[in-house]
Amino acid sequence: MDTAAEVFSWIVIIIGPVILISGFWLLHILPEKIAEKRHHPQLDAIKTLCLLSLFFGGLLWPLAWLWAYSKPSLYKLAYGHDRVPPPHGPEADEAALPAPSGTPSEGPSPEERGEPH
């Protein structure tokens, strides 16, 4: 019976802190994952706040959680959209954002327009 109790105590001593530390870490990166999923425009700042929260014992975690779920009010006024396109390559970036209104389109060639050579 003593050997079973000793084995169980070693398992608790080794496995317990690993589970607690990994749970603490997963809880603190949760706002970052939420912000990534919602394409939050201030994702880098939320990531930084999550990292700082790890070092301050979780005191900043509720702020990061609220910030990840908030919708930035002035971002849309400044940039015209309130989401950042997902970074899956240049094609996805161009497709996610509307093209500026002053871009020239593929139109007639210079000869068709009557321009000199």
Protein backbone atom coordinates (compact mmCIF):
# COMPACT_ATOMS: atom_id res chain seq x y z
CA MET A 1 0.00 0.00 0.00
CA ASP A 2 2.87 2.35 0.72
CA THR A 3 4.30 1.88 -2.77
CA ALA A 4 0.96 2.73 -4.39
CA ALA A 5 0.69 5.90 -2.29
CA GLU A 6 4.26 6.83 -3.12
CA VAL A 7 3.71 6.34 -6.86
CA PHE A 8 0.48 8.34 -6.69
CA SER A 9 2.23 11.18 -4.82
CA TRP A 10 5.01 11.34 -7.45
CA ILE A 11 2.42 11.45 -10.22
CA VAL A 12 0.63 14.31 -8.46
CA ILE A 13 3.89 16.17 -7.84
CA ILE A 14 4.98 15.90 -11.49
CA ILE A 15 1.70 15.98 -13.44
CA GLY A 16 -0.19 18.49 -11.25
CA PRO A 17 2.03 21.54 -11.89
CA VAL A 18 2.23 20.73 -15.61
CA ILE A 19 -1.57 20.70 -15.85
CA LEU A 20 -1.92 23.89 -13.79
CA ILE A 21 0.73 25.80 -15.77
CA SER A 22 -0.66 24.70 -19.14
CA GLY A 23 -4.21 25.59 -18.05
CA PHE A 24 -3.04 29.04 -16.88
CA TRP A 25 -1.25 29.59 -20.19
CA LEU A 26 -4.21 28.43 -22.31
CA LEU A 27 -6.54 30.70 -20.38
CA HIS A 28 -4.28 33.68 -20.99
CA ILE A 29 -3.98 33.18 -24.75
CA LEU A 30 -7.75 32.80 -25.13
CA PRO A 31 -8.35 36.54 -25.82
CA GLU A 32 -5.67 36.40 -28.51
CA LYS A 33 -7.41 33.47 -30.21
CA ILE A 34 -10.77 35.28 -30.01
CA ALA A 35 -9.27 38.41 -31.57
CA GLU A 36 -7.72 36.34 -34.39
CA LYS A 37 -11.03 34.64 -35.08
CA ARG A 38 -12.89 37.97 -35.20
CA HIS A 39 -10.14 39.62 -37.35
CA HIS A 40 -9.73 42.36 -34.74
CA PRO A 41 -7.72 45.31 -36.12
CA GLN A 42 -5.84 45.71 -32.83
CA LEU A 43 -4.71 42.09 -32.62
CA ASP A 44 -1.07 42.92 -31.92
CA ALA A 45 -1.98 45.08 -28.93
CA ILE A 46 -4.24 42.32 -27.56
CA LYS A 47 -1.39 39.81 -27.96
CA THR A 48 0.90 42.13 -26.03
CA LEU A 49 -1.65 42.56 -23.25
CA CYS A 50 -2.04 38.77 -23.00
CA LEU A 51 1.72 38.40 -22.67
CA LEU A 52 1.88 41.10 -20.00
CA SER A 53 -0.98 39.41 -18.18
CA LEU A 54 1.10 36.24 -17.87
CA PHE A 55 3.82 38.20 -16.05
CA PHE A 56 1.42 40.16 -13.83
CA GLY A 57 -0.36 37.07 -12.56
CA GLY A 58 -3.52 37.45 -14.59
CA LEU A 59 -4.50 40.95 -13.50
CA LEU A 60 -4.68 42.24 -17.09
CA TRP A 61 -6.47 39.20 -18.50
CA PRO A 62 -10.03 40.58 -18.07
CA LEU A 63 -9.03 43.71 -20.01
CA ALA A 64 -7.67 41.60 -22.87
CA TRP A 65 -10.86 39.51 -22.84
CA LEU A 66 -13.09 42.60 -23.08
CA TRP A 67 -10.86 44.19 -25.71
CA ALA A 68 -10.97 41.06 -27.89
CA TYR A 69 -14.78 41.13 -27.89
CA SER A 70 -15.09 44.90 -28.38
CA LYS A 71 -15.68 46.52 -31.73
CA PRO A 72 -13.32 49.44 -32.39
CA SER A 73 -15.47 52.50 -32.93
CA LEU A 74 -13.04 54.90 -34.60
CA TYR A 75 -11.20 52.32 -36.73
CA LYS A 76 -13.99 52.19 -39.31
CA LEU A 77 -14.00 55.98 -39.62
CA ALA A 78 -10.26 56.03 -40.24
CA TYR A 79 -9.86 53.02 -42.55
CA GLY A 80 -13.32 52.43 -44.01
CA HIS A 81 -13.73 48.91 -42.58
CA ASP A 82 -13.76 47.45 -39.10
CA ARG A 83 -12.02 44.15 -39.79
CA VAL A 84 -8.53 43.25 -40.85
CA PRO A 85 -8.41 40.77 -43.74
CA PRO A 86 -6.93 37.38 -42.83
CA PRO A 87 -3.26 37.10 -43.84
CA HIS A 88 -3.47 34.24 -46.35
CA GLY A 89 -1.52 35.86 -49.14
CA PRO A 90 -1.76 38.87 -51.43
CA GLU A 91 -4.76 37.50 -53.34
CA ALA A 92 -6.84 37.19 -50.18
CA ASP A 93 -5.85 40.68 -49.03
CA GLU A 94 -6.93 42.25 -52.30
CA ALA A 95 -10.18 40.30 -52.40
CA ALA A 96 -11.14 41.10 -48.82
CA LEU A 97 -10.80 44.87 -49.09
CA PRO A 98 -12.69 46.99 -51.60
CA ALA A 99 -10.55 48.50 -54.34
CA PRO A 100 -9.98 52.26 -54.18
CA SER A 101 -12.27 54.21 -56.47
CA GLY A 102 -9.46 55.90 -58.43
CA THR A 103 -7.73 52.80 -59.77
CA PRO A 104 -7.50 52.54 -63.54
CA SER A 105 -9.08 49.49 -65.10
CA GLU A 106 -7.96 47.45 -68.05
CA GLY A 107 -9.49 49.52 -70.80
CA PRO A 108 -8.76 50.23 -74.43
CA SER A 109 -5.16 50.32 -75.60
CA PRO A 110 -3.46 53.65 -76.34
CA GLU A 111 -4.06 53.11 -80.08
CA GLU A 112 -7.79 52.60 -79.49
CA ARG A 113 -7.92 55.80 -77.45
CA GLY A 114 -6.28 57.74 -80.22
CA GLU A 115 -3.08 58.62 -78.41
CA PRO A 116 0.06 59.36 -80.47
CA HIS A 117 2.79 56.76 -80.76
